[in-house]
């Protein structure tokens, strides 16, 4: 949970933090935060994480692939299993 807070408070891509990491050029970080929040909500039932998901700017739109650089499909499936976009 502290790691989620750290990531949420220090948002950015991996290569922006470590320029030498050009081989791991991530396209974004929002998908990882959504996936993490969904798993943390499932594990803890802590409203903080459902609030994060409810307040998120995007759910990733339509996705059809599982990819190391795009976790939205996984997050969407887990969110659906947890009851959908709204946890209220």
PDB file of N, CA and C in Angstrom:
ATOM      1  N   UNK A   1       0.817  -1.177   0.000  1.00  0.00           N
ATOM      2  CA  UNK A   1       0.000   0.000   0.000  1.00  0.00           C
ATOM      3  C   UNK A   1       0.868   1.251   0.000  1.00  0.00           C
ATOM      4  N   UNK A   2       1.975   1.211   0.684  1.00  0.00           N
ATOM      5  CA  UNK A   2       2.899   2.348   0.655  1.00  0.00           C
ATOM      6  C   UNK A   2       3.494   2.508  -0.741  1.00  0.00           C
ATOM      7  N   UNK A   3       3.725   1.393  -1.407  1.00  0.00           N
ATOM      8  CA  UNK A   3       4.278   1.450  -2.750  1.00  0.00           C
ATOM      9  C   UNK A   3       3.273   2.079  -3.723  1.00  0.00           C
ATOM     10  N   UNK A   4       1.989   1.750  -3.578  1.00  0.00           N
ATOM     11  CA  UNK A   4       0.964   2.381  -4.408  1.00  0.00           C
ATOM     12  C   UNK A   4       0.937   3.888  -4.164  1.00  0.00           C
ATOM     13  N   UNK A   5       0.958   4.287  -2.911  1.00  0.00           N
ATOM     14  CA  UNK A   5       0.966   5.715  -2.575  1.00  0.00           C
ATOM     15  C   UNK A   5       2.180   6.408  -3.191  1.00  0.00           C
ATOM     16  N   UNK A   6       3.333   5.766  -3.102  1.00  0.00           N
ATOM     17  CA  UNK A   6       4.545   6.333  -3.686  1.00  0.00           C
ATOM     18  C   UNK A   6       4.385   6.508  -5.198  1.00  0.00           C
ATOM     19  N   UNK A   7       3.906   5.457  -5.868  1.00  0.00           N
ATOM     20  CA  UNK A   7       3.742   5.522  -7.321  1.00  0.00           C
ATOM     21  C   UNK A   7       2.713   6.572  -7.720  1.00  0.00           C
ATOM     22  N   UNK A   8       1.644   6.669  -6.971  1.00  0.00           N
ATOM     23  CA  UNK A   8       0.604   7.642  -7.278  1.00  0.00           C
ATOM     24  C   UNK A   8       1.087   9.078  -7.043  1.00  0.00           C
ATOM     25  N   UNK A   9       1.919   9.271  -6.041  1.00  0.00           N
ATOM     26  CA  UNK A   9       2.428  10.607  -5.724  1.00  0.00           C
ATOM     27  C   UNK A   9       3.632  11.016  -6.559  1.00  0.00           C
ATOM     28  N   UNK A  10       4.267  10.074  -7.239  1.00  0.00           N
ATOM     29  CA  UNK A  10       5.436  10.351  -8.077  1.00  0.00           C
ATOM     30  C   UNK A  10       5.223   9.750  -9.460  1.00  0.00           C
ATOM     31  N   UNK A  11       4.190  10.214 -10.135  1.00  0.00           N
ATOM     32  CA  UNK A  11       3.799   9.633 -11.412  1.00  0.00           C
ATOM     33  C   UNK A  11       4.790   9.959 -12.520  1.00  0.00           C
ATOM     34  N   UNK A  12       4.943   8.995 -13.404  1.00  0.00           N
ATOM     35  CA  UNK A  12       5.814   9.176 -14.560  1.00  0.00           C
ATOM     36  C   UNK A  12       6.223   7.839 -15.130  1.00  0.00           C
ATOM     37  N   UNK A  13       6.789   7.887 -16.308  1.00  0.00           N
ATOM     38  CA  UNK A  13       7.244   6.653 -16.941  1.00  0.00           C
ATOM     39  C   UNK A  13       8.619   6.249 -16.415  1.00  0.00           C
ATOM     40  N   UNK A  14       8.905   4.994 -16.570  1.00  0.00           N
ATOM     41  CA  UNK A  14      10.164   4.431 -16.091  1.00  0.00           C
ATOM     42  C   UNK A  14      11.355   5.142 -16.717  1.00  0.00           C
ATOM     43  N   UNK A  15      11.316   5.327 -18.035  1.00  0.00           N
ATOM     44  CA  UNK A  15      12.451   5.939 -18.716  1.00  0.00           C
ATOM     45  C   UNK A  15      12.621   7.409 -18.368  1.00  0.00           C
ATOM     46  N   UNK A  16      11.575   8.055 -17.862  1.00  0.00           N
ATOM     47  CA  UNK A  16      11.717   9.440 -17.408  1.00  0.00           C
ATOM     48  C   UNK A  16      12.484   9.513 -16.099  1.00  0.00           C
ATOM     49  N   UNK A  17      12.354   8.476 -15.292  1.00  0.00           N
ATOM     50  CA  UNK A  17      13.059   8.419 -14.013  1.00  0.00           C
ATOM     51  C   UNK A  17      14.487   7.948 -14.181  1.00  0.00           C
ATOM     52  N   UNK A  18      14.681   7.032 -15.118  1.00  0.00           N
ATOM     53  CA  UNK A  18      16.001   6.444 -15.347  1.00  0.00           C
ATOM     54  C   UNK A  18      16.283   6.505 -16.848  1.00  0.00           C
ATOM     55  N   UNK A  19      16.879   7.604 -17.332  1.00  0.00           N
ATOM     56  CA  UNK A  19      17.088   7.788 -18.766  1.00  0.00           C
ATOM     57  C   UNK A  19      17.876   6.664 -19.440  1.00  0.00           C
ATOM     58  N   UNK A  20      18.731   5.982 -18.695  1.00  0.00           N
ATOM     59  CA  UNK A  20      19.509   4.885 -19.278  1.00  0.00           C
ATOM     60  C   UNK A  20      18.628   3.683 -19.620  1.00  0.00           C
ATOM     61  N   UNK A  21      17.384   3.716 -19.186  1.00  0.00           N
ATOM     62  CA  UNK A  21      16.478   2.591 -19.396  1.00  0.00           C
ATOM     63  C   UNK A  21      15.707   2.735 -20.704  1.00  0.00           C
ATOM     64  N   UNK A  22      16.358   3.197 -21.739  1.00  0.00           N
ATOM     65  CA  UNK A  22      15.703   3.394 -23.031  1.00  0.00           C
ATOM     66  C   UNK A  22      15.153   2.103 -23.625  1.00  0.00           C
ATOM     67  N   UNK A  23      15.687   0.957 -23.227  1.00  0.00           N
ATOM     68  CA  UNK A  23      15.217  -0.333 -23.731  1.00  0.00           C
ATOM     69  C   UNK A  23      13.840  -0.690 -23.165  1.00  0.00           C
ATOM     70  N   UNK A  24      13.431  -0.019 -22.098  1.00  0.00           N
ATOM     71  CA  UNK A  24      12.127  -0.264 -21.473  1.00  0.00           C
ATOM     72  C   UNK A  24      11.300   1.006 -21.598  1.00  0.00           C
ATOM     73  N   UNK A  25      11.015   1.360 -22.812  1.00  0.00           N
ATOM     74  CA  UNK A  25      10.314   2.607 -23.080  1.00  0.00           C
ATOM     75  C   UNK A  25       8.814   2.400 -22.908  1.00  0.00           C
ATOM     76  N   UNK A  26       8.331   2.691 -21.721  1.00  0.00           N
ATOM     77  CA  UNK A  26       6.917   2.515 -21.395  1.00  0.00           C
ATOM     78  C   UNK A  26       6.099   3.652 -21.988  1.00  0.00           C
ATOM     79  N   UNK A  27       4.881   3.328 -22.404  1.00  0.00           N
ATOM     80  CA  UNK A  27       4.026   4.349 -22.999  1.00  0.00           C
ATOM     81  C   UNK A  27       3.213   5.116 -21.964  1.00  0.00           C
ATOM     82  N   UNK A  28       3.193   4.643 -20.731  1.00  0.00           N
ATOM     83  CA  UNK A  28       2.430   5.331 -19.700  1.00  0.00           C
ATOM     84  C   UNK A  28       2.480   4.602 -18.384  1.00  0.00           C
ATOM     85  N   UNK A  29       1.805   5.154 -17.406  1.00  0.00           N
ATOM     86  CA  UNK A  29       1.806   4.572 -16.071  1.00  0.00           C
ATOM     87  C   UNK A  29       0.403   4.423 -15.500  1.00  0.00           C
ATOM     88  N   UNK A  30      -0.583   5.062 -16.119  1.00  0.00           N
ATOM     89  CA  UNK A  30      -1.934   5.038 -15.582  1.00  0.00           C
ATOM     90  C   UNK A  30      -2.520   3.631 -15.539  1.00  0.00           C
ATOM     91  N   UNK A  31      -2.170   2.813 -16.510  1.00  0.00           N
ATOM     92  CA  UNK A  31      -2.689   1.446 -16.541  1.00  0.00           C
ATOM     93  C   UNK A  31      -2.167   0.625 -15.367  1.00  0.00           C
ATOM     94  N   UNK A  32      -0.899   0.816 -15.022  1.00  0.00           N
ATOM     95  CA  UNK A  32      -0.342   0.103 -13.879  1.00  0.00           C
ATOM     96  C   UNK A  32      -0.992   0.545 -12.571  1.00  0.00           C
ATOM     97  N   UNK A  33      -1.277   1.844 -12.446  1.00  0.00           N
ATOM     98  CA  UNK A  33      -1.943   2.332 -11.235  1.00  0.00           C
ATOM     99  C   UNK A  33      -3.359   1.768 -11.129  1.00  0.00           C
ATOM    100  N   UNK A  34      -4.082   1.697 -12.241  1.00  0.00           N
ATOM    101  CA  UNK A  34      -5.438   1.135 -12.221  1.00  0.00           C
ATOM    102  C   UNK A  34      -5.396  -0.344 -11.854  1.00  0.00           C
ATOM    103  N   UNK A  35      -4.470  -1.067 -12.433  1.00  0.00           N
ATOM    104  CA  UNK A  35      -4.354  -2.503 -12.151  1.00  0.00           C
ATOM    105  C   UNK A  35      -3.985  -2.722 -10.686  1.00  0.00           C
ATOM    106  N   UNK A  36      -3.049  -1.925 -10.195  1.00  0.00           N
ATOM    107  CA  UNK A  36      -2.644  -2.041  -8.790  1.00  0.00           C
ATOM    108  C   UNK A  36      -3.806  -1.704  -7.859  1.00  0.00           C
ATOM    109  N   UNK A  37      -4.539  -0.637  -8.172  1.00  0.00           N
ATOM    110  CA  UNK A  37      -5.672  -0.249  -7.319  1.00  0.00           C
ATOM    111  C   UNK A  37      -6.733  -1.343  -7.292  1.00  0.00           C
ATOM    112  N   UNK A  38      -6.993  -1.962  -8.432  1.00  0.00           N
ATOM    113  CA  UNK A  38      -7.988  -3.038  -8.484  1.00  0.00           C
ATOM    114  C   UNK A  38      -7.542  -4.220  -7.625  1.00  0.00           C
ATOM    115  N   UNK A  39      -6.291  -4.623  -7.740  1.00  0.00           N
ATOM    116  CA  UNK A  39      -5.792  -5.740  -6.927  1.00  0.00           C
ATOM    117  C   UNK A  39      -5.778  -5.389  -5.442  1.00  0.00           C
ATOM    118  N   UNK A  40      -5.369  -4.174  -5.116  1.00  0.00           N
ATOM    119  CA  UNK A  40      -5.341  -3.771  -3.714  1.00  0.00           C
ATOM    120  C   UNK A  40      -6.746  -3.681  -3.127  1.00  0.00           C
ATOM    121  N   UNK A  41      -7.708  -3.233  -3.933  1.00  0.00           N
ATOM    122  CA  UNK A  41      -9.084  -3.222  -3.454  1.00  0.00           C
ATOM    123  C   UNK A  41      -9.565  -4.647  -3.212  1.00  0.00           C
ATOM    124  N   UNK A  42      -9.249  -5.541  -4.131  1.00  0.00           N
ATOM    125  CA  UNK A  42      -9.646  -6.956  -3.971  1.00  0.00           C
ATOM    126  C   UNK A  42      -9.031  -7.558  -2.718  1.00  0.00           C
ATOM    127  N   UNK A  43      -7.783  -7.240  -2.467  1.00  0.00           N
ATOM    128  CA  UNK A  43      -7.072  -7.827  -1.331  1.00  0.00           C
ATOM    129  C   UNK A  43      -7.462  -7.218   0.011  1.00  0.00           C
ATOM    130  N   UNK A  44      -7.777  -5.924   0.022  1.00  0.00           N
ATOM    131  CA  UNK A  44      -7.979  -5.237   1.306  1.00  0.00           C
ATOM    132  C   UNK A  44      -9.397  -4.732   1.539  1.00  0.00           C
ATOM    133  N   UNK A  45     -10.162  -4.603   0.456  1.00  0.00           N
ATOM    134  CA  UNK A  45     -11.495  -4.006   0.522  1.00  0.00           C
ATOM    135  C   UNK A  45     -11.441  -2.570   1.062  1.00  0.00           C
ATOM    136  N   UNK A  46     -10.304  -1.930   0.889  1.00  0.00           N
ATOM    137  CA  UNK A  46     -10.085  -0.565   1.355  1.00  0.00           C
ATOM    138  C   UNK A  46     -10.699   0.409   0.349  1.00  0.00           C
ATOM    139  N   UNK A  47     -11.594   1.247   0.815  1.00  0.00           N
ATOM    140  CA  UNK A  47     -12.313   2.196  -0.030  1.00  0.00           C
ATOM    141  C   UNK A  47     -11.374   3.161  -0.765  1.00  0.00           C
ATOM    142  N   UNK A  48     -10.197   3.364  -0.253  1.00  0.00           N
ATOM    143  CA  UNK A  48      -9.222   4.240  -0.911  1.00  0.00           C
ATOM    144  C   UNK A  48      -9.010   3.806  -2.361  1.00  0.00           C
ATOM    145  N   UNK A  49      -8.915   2.510  -2.577  1.00  0.00           N
ATOM    146  CA  UNK A  49      -8.621   1.995  -3.917  1.00  0.00           C
ATOM    147  C   UNK A  49      -9.848   2.021  -4.818  1.00  0.00           C
ATOM    148  N   UNK A  50     -11.028   1.767  -4.278  1.00  0.00           N
ATOM    149  CA  UNK A  50     -12.233   1.897  -5.101  1.00  0.00           C
ATOM    150  C   UNK A  50     -12.461   3.362  -5.450  1.00  0.00           C
ATOM    151  N   UNK A  51     -12.176   4.274  -4.522  1.00  0.00           N
ATOM    152  CA  UNK A  51     -12.279   5.697  -4.820  1.00  0.00           C
ATOM    153  C   UNK A  51     -11.315   6.086  -5.936  1.00  0.00           C
ATOM    154  N   UNK A  52     -10.103   5.559  -5.889  1.00  0.00           N
ATOM    155  CA  UNK A  52      -9.128   5.842  -6.940  1.00  0.00           C
ATOM    156  C   UNK A  52      -9.688   5.411  -8.298  1.00  0.00           C
ATOM    157  N   UNK A  53     -10.252   4.215  -8.355  1.00  0.00           N
ATOM    158  CA  UNK A  53     -10.797   3.703  -9.611  1.00  0.00           C
ATOM    159  C   UNK A  53     -11.997   4.534 -10.069  1.00  0.00           C
ATOM    160  N   UNK A  54     -12.850   4.913  -9.144  1.00  0.00           N
ATOM    161  CA  UNK A  54     -14.015   5.734  -9.505  1.00  0.00           C
ATOM    162  C   UNK A  54     -13.600   7.107 -10.015  1.00  0.00           C
ATOM    163  N   UNK A  55     -12.521   7.647  -9.479  1.00  0.00           N
ATOM    164  CA  UNK A  55     -12.075   8.989  -9.848  1.00  0.00           C
ATOM    165  C   UNK A  55     -11.096   9.004 -11.021  1.00  0.00           C
ATOM    166  N   UNK A  56     -10.692   7.831 -11.500  1.00  0.00           N
ATOM    167  CA  UNK A  56      -9.700   7.760 -12.581  1.00  0.00           C
ATOM    168  C   UNK A  56     -10.211   8.470 -13.829  1.00  0.00           C
ATOM    169  N   UNK A  57      -9.300   9.145 -14.516  1.00  0.00           N
ATOM    170  CA  UNK A  57      -9.649   9.882 -15.723  1.00  0.00           C
ATOM    171  C   UNK A  57     -10.053   8.955 -16.866  1.00  0.00           C
ATOM    172  N   UNK A  58      -9.536   7.746 -16.856  1.00  0.00           N
ATOM    173  CA  UNK A  58      -9.814   6.822 -17.952  1.00  0.00           C
ATOM    174  C   UNK A  58      -9.825   5.384 -17.451  1.00  0.00           C
ATOM    175  N   UNK A  59     -10.578   4.562 -18.157  1.00  0.00           N
ATOM    176  CA  UNK A  59     -10.543   3.121 -17.892  1.00  0.00           C
ATOM    177  C   UNK A  59      -9.794   2.407 -19.008  1.00  0.00           C
ATOM    178  N   UNK A  60      -9.200   3.183 -19.908  1.00  0.00           N
ATOM    179  CA  UNK A  60      -8.377   2.601 -20.948  1.00  0.00           C
ATOM    180  C   UNK A  60      -9.056   2.381 -22.276  1.00  0.00           C
ATOM    181  N   UNK A  61     -10.376   2.580 -22.330  1.00  0.00           N
ATOM    182  CA  UNK A  61     -11.069   2.352 -23.595  1.00  0.00           C
ATOM    183  C   UNK A  61     -11.100   0.880 -23.961  1.00  0.00           C
ATOM    184  N   UNK A  62     -11.407   0.602 -25.211  1.00  0.00           N
ATOM    185  CA  UNK A  62     -11.521  -0.776 -25.698  1.00  0.00           C
ATOM    186  C   UNK A  62     -10.135  -1.382 -25.890  1.00  0.00           C
ATOM    187  N   UNK A  63      -9.875  -2.484 -25.239  1.00  0.00           N
ATOM    188  CA  UNK A  63      -8.588  -3.183 -25.363  1.00  0.00           C
ATOM    189  C   UNK A  63      -8.855  -4.636 -25.752  1.00  0.00           C
ATOM    190  N   UNK A  64      -7.962  -5.194 -26.552  1.00  0.00           N
ATOM    191  CA  UNK A  64      -8.135  -6.573 -27.003  1.00  0.00           C
ATOM    192  C   UNK A  64      -6.903  -7.440 -26.758  1.00  0.00           C
ATOM    193  N   UNK A  65      -5.844  -6.859 -26.194  1.00  0.00           N
ATOM    194  CA  UNK A  65      -4.617  -7.630 -26.010  1.00  0.00           C
ATOM    195  C   UNK A  65      -4.090  -7.497 -24.588  1.00  0.00           C
ATOM    196  N   UNK A  66      -3.333  -8.479 -24.192  1.00  0.00           N
ATOM    197  CA  UNK A  66      -2.558  -8.466 -22.954  1.00  0.00           C
ATOM    198  C   UNK A  66      -1.135  -8.125 -23.363  1.00  0.00           C
ATOM    199  N   UNK A  67      -0.587  -7.083 -22.779  1.00  0.00           N
ATOM    200  CA  UNK A  67       0.733  -6.623 -23.205  1.00  0.00           C
ATOM    201  C   UNK A  67       1.519  -6.123 -22.005  1.00  0.00           C
ATOM    202  N   UNK A  68       2.821  -6.303 -22.008  1.00  0.00           N
ATOM    203  CA  UNK A  68       3.654  -5.837 -20.899  1.00  0.00           C
ATOM    204  C   UNK A  68       3.543  -4.322 -20.724  1.00  0.00           C
ATOM    205  N   UNK A  69       3.227  -3.606 -21.797  1.00  0.00           N
ATOM    206  CA  UNK A  69       3.196  -2.151 -21.762  1.00  0.00           C
ATOM    207  C   UNK A  69       1.780  -1.586 -21.606  1.00  0.00           C
ATOM    208  N   UNK A  70       0.784  -2.440 -21.507  1.00  0.00           N
ATOM    209  CA  UNK A  70      -0.597  -1.971 -21.418  1.00  0.00           C
ATOM    210  C   UNK A  70      -1.395  -2.932 -20.544  1.00  0.00           C
ATOM    211  N   UNK A  71      -1.633  -2.530 -19.310  1.00  0.00           N
ATOM    212  CA  UNK A  71      -2.327  -3.387 -18.340  1.00  0.00           C
ATOM    213  C   UNK A  71      -3.821  -3.095 -18.249  1.00  0.00           C
ATOM    214  N   UNK A  72      -4.336  -2.218 -19.135  1.00  0.00           N
ATOM    215  CA  UNK A  72      -5.750  -1.862 -19.043  1.00  0.00           C
ATOM    216  C   UNK A  72      -6.673  -3.063 -19.211  1.00  0.00           C
ATOM    217  N   UNK A  73      -6.366  -3.962 -20.141  1.00  0.00           N
ATOM    218  CA  UNK A  73      -7.247  -5.126 -20.340  1.00  0.00           C
ATOM    219  C   UNK A  73      -7.351  -5.939 -19.051  1.00  0.00           C
ATOM    220  N   UNK A  74      -6.225  -6.168 -18.399  1.00  0.00           N
ATOM    221  CA  UNK A  74      -6.230  -6.924 -17.149  1.00  0.00           C
ATOM    222  C   UNK A  74      -6.997  -6.166 -16.065  1.00  0.00           C
ATOM    223  N   UNK A  75      -6.774  -4.851 -15.978  1.00  0.00           N
ATOM    224  CA  UNK A  75      -7.462  -4.035 -14.985  1.00  0.00           C
ATOM    225  C   UNK A  75      -8.968  -4.048 -15.240  1.00  0.00           C
ATOM    226  N   UNK A  76      -9.372  -3.947 -16.493  1.00  0.00           N
ATOM    227  CA  UNK A  76     -10.793  -3.953 -16.823  1.00  0.00           C
ATOM    228  C   UNK A  76     -11.463  -5.263 -16.420  1.00  0.00           C
ATOM    229  N   UNK A  77     -10.791  -6.379 -16.663  1.00  0.00           N
ATOM    230  CA  UNK A  77     -11.352  -7.678 -16.287  1.00  0.00           C
ATOM    231  C   UNK A  77     -11.497  -7.776 -14.775  1.00  0.00           C
ATOM    232  N   UNK A  78     -10.469  -7.390 -14.053  1.00  0.00           N
ATOM    233  CA  UNK A  78     -10.520  -7.460 -12.593  1.00  0.00           C
ATOM    234  C   UNK A  78     -11.580  -6.513 -12.038  1.00  0.00           C
ATOM    235  N   UNK A  79     -11.676  -5.306 -12.577  1.00  0.00           N
ATOM    236  CA  UNK A  79     -12.694  -4.354 -12.130  1.00  0.00           C
ATOM    237  C   UNK A  79     -14.089  -4.915 -12.388  1.00  0.00           C
ATOM    238  N   UNK A  80     -14.286  -5.540 -13.536  1.00  0.00           N
ATOM    239  CA  UNK A  80     -15.589  -6.153 -13.843  1.00  0.00           C
ATOM    240  C   UNK A  80     -15.910  -7.264 -12.837  1.00  0.00           C
ATOM    241  N   UNK A  81     -14.913  -8.062 -12.493  1.00  0.00           N
ATOM    242  CA  UNK A  81     -15.123  -9.130 -11.509  1.00  0.00           C
ATOM    243  C   UNK A  81     -15.440  -8.572 -10.121  1.00  0.00           C
ATOM    244  N   UNK A  82     -14.977  -7.377  -9.845  1.00  0.00           N
ATOM    245  CA  UNK A  82     -15.207  -6.749  -8.551  1.00  0.00           C
ATOM    246  C   UNK A  82     -16.527  -5.975  -8.503  1.00  0.00           C
ATOM    247  N   UNK A  83     -17.212  -5.912  -9.606  1.00  0.00           N
ATOM    248  CA  UNK A  83     -18.514  -5.256  -9.596  1.00  0.00           C
ATOM    249  C   UNK A  83     -18.662  -4.095 -10.555  1.00  0.00           C
ATOM    250  N   UNK A  84     -17.719  -3.901 -11.411  1.00  0.00           N
ATOM    251  CA  UNK A  84     -17.859  -2.850 -12.405  1.00  0.00           C
ATOM    252  C   UNK A  84     -17.085  -1.595 -12.077  1.00  0.00           C
ATOM    253  N   UNK A  85     -17.294  -0.571 -12.881  1.00  0.00           N
ATOM    254  CA  UNK A  85     -16.554   0.690 -12.731  1.00  0.00           C
ATOM    255  C   UNK A  85     -16.902   1.390 -11.417  1.00  0.00           C
ATOM    256  N   UNK A  86     -18.153   1.345 -11.036  1.00  0.00           N
ATOM    257  CA  UNK A  86     -18.562   2.059  -9.834  1.00  0.00           C
ATOM    258  C   UNK A  86     -18.593   1.117  -8.627  1.00  0.00           C
ATOM    259  N   UNK A  87     -17.949   1.535  -7.569  1.00  0.00           N
ATOM    260  CA  UNK A  87     -17.920   0.733  -6.337  1.00  0.00           C
ATOM    261  C   UNK A  87     -18.801   1.347  -5.283  1.00  0.00           C
ATOM    262  N   UNK A  88     -19.530   2.386  -5.619  1.00  0.00           N
ATOM    263  CA  UNK A  88     -20.348   3.107  -4.633  1.00  0.00           C
ATOM    264  C   UNK A  88     -21.637   2.375  -4.368  1.00  0.00           C
TER     265      UNK A  88
END
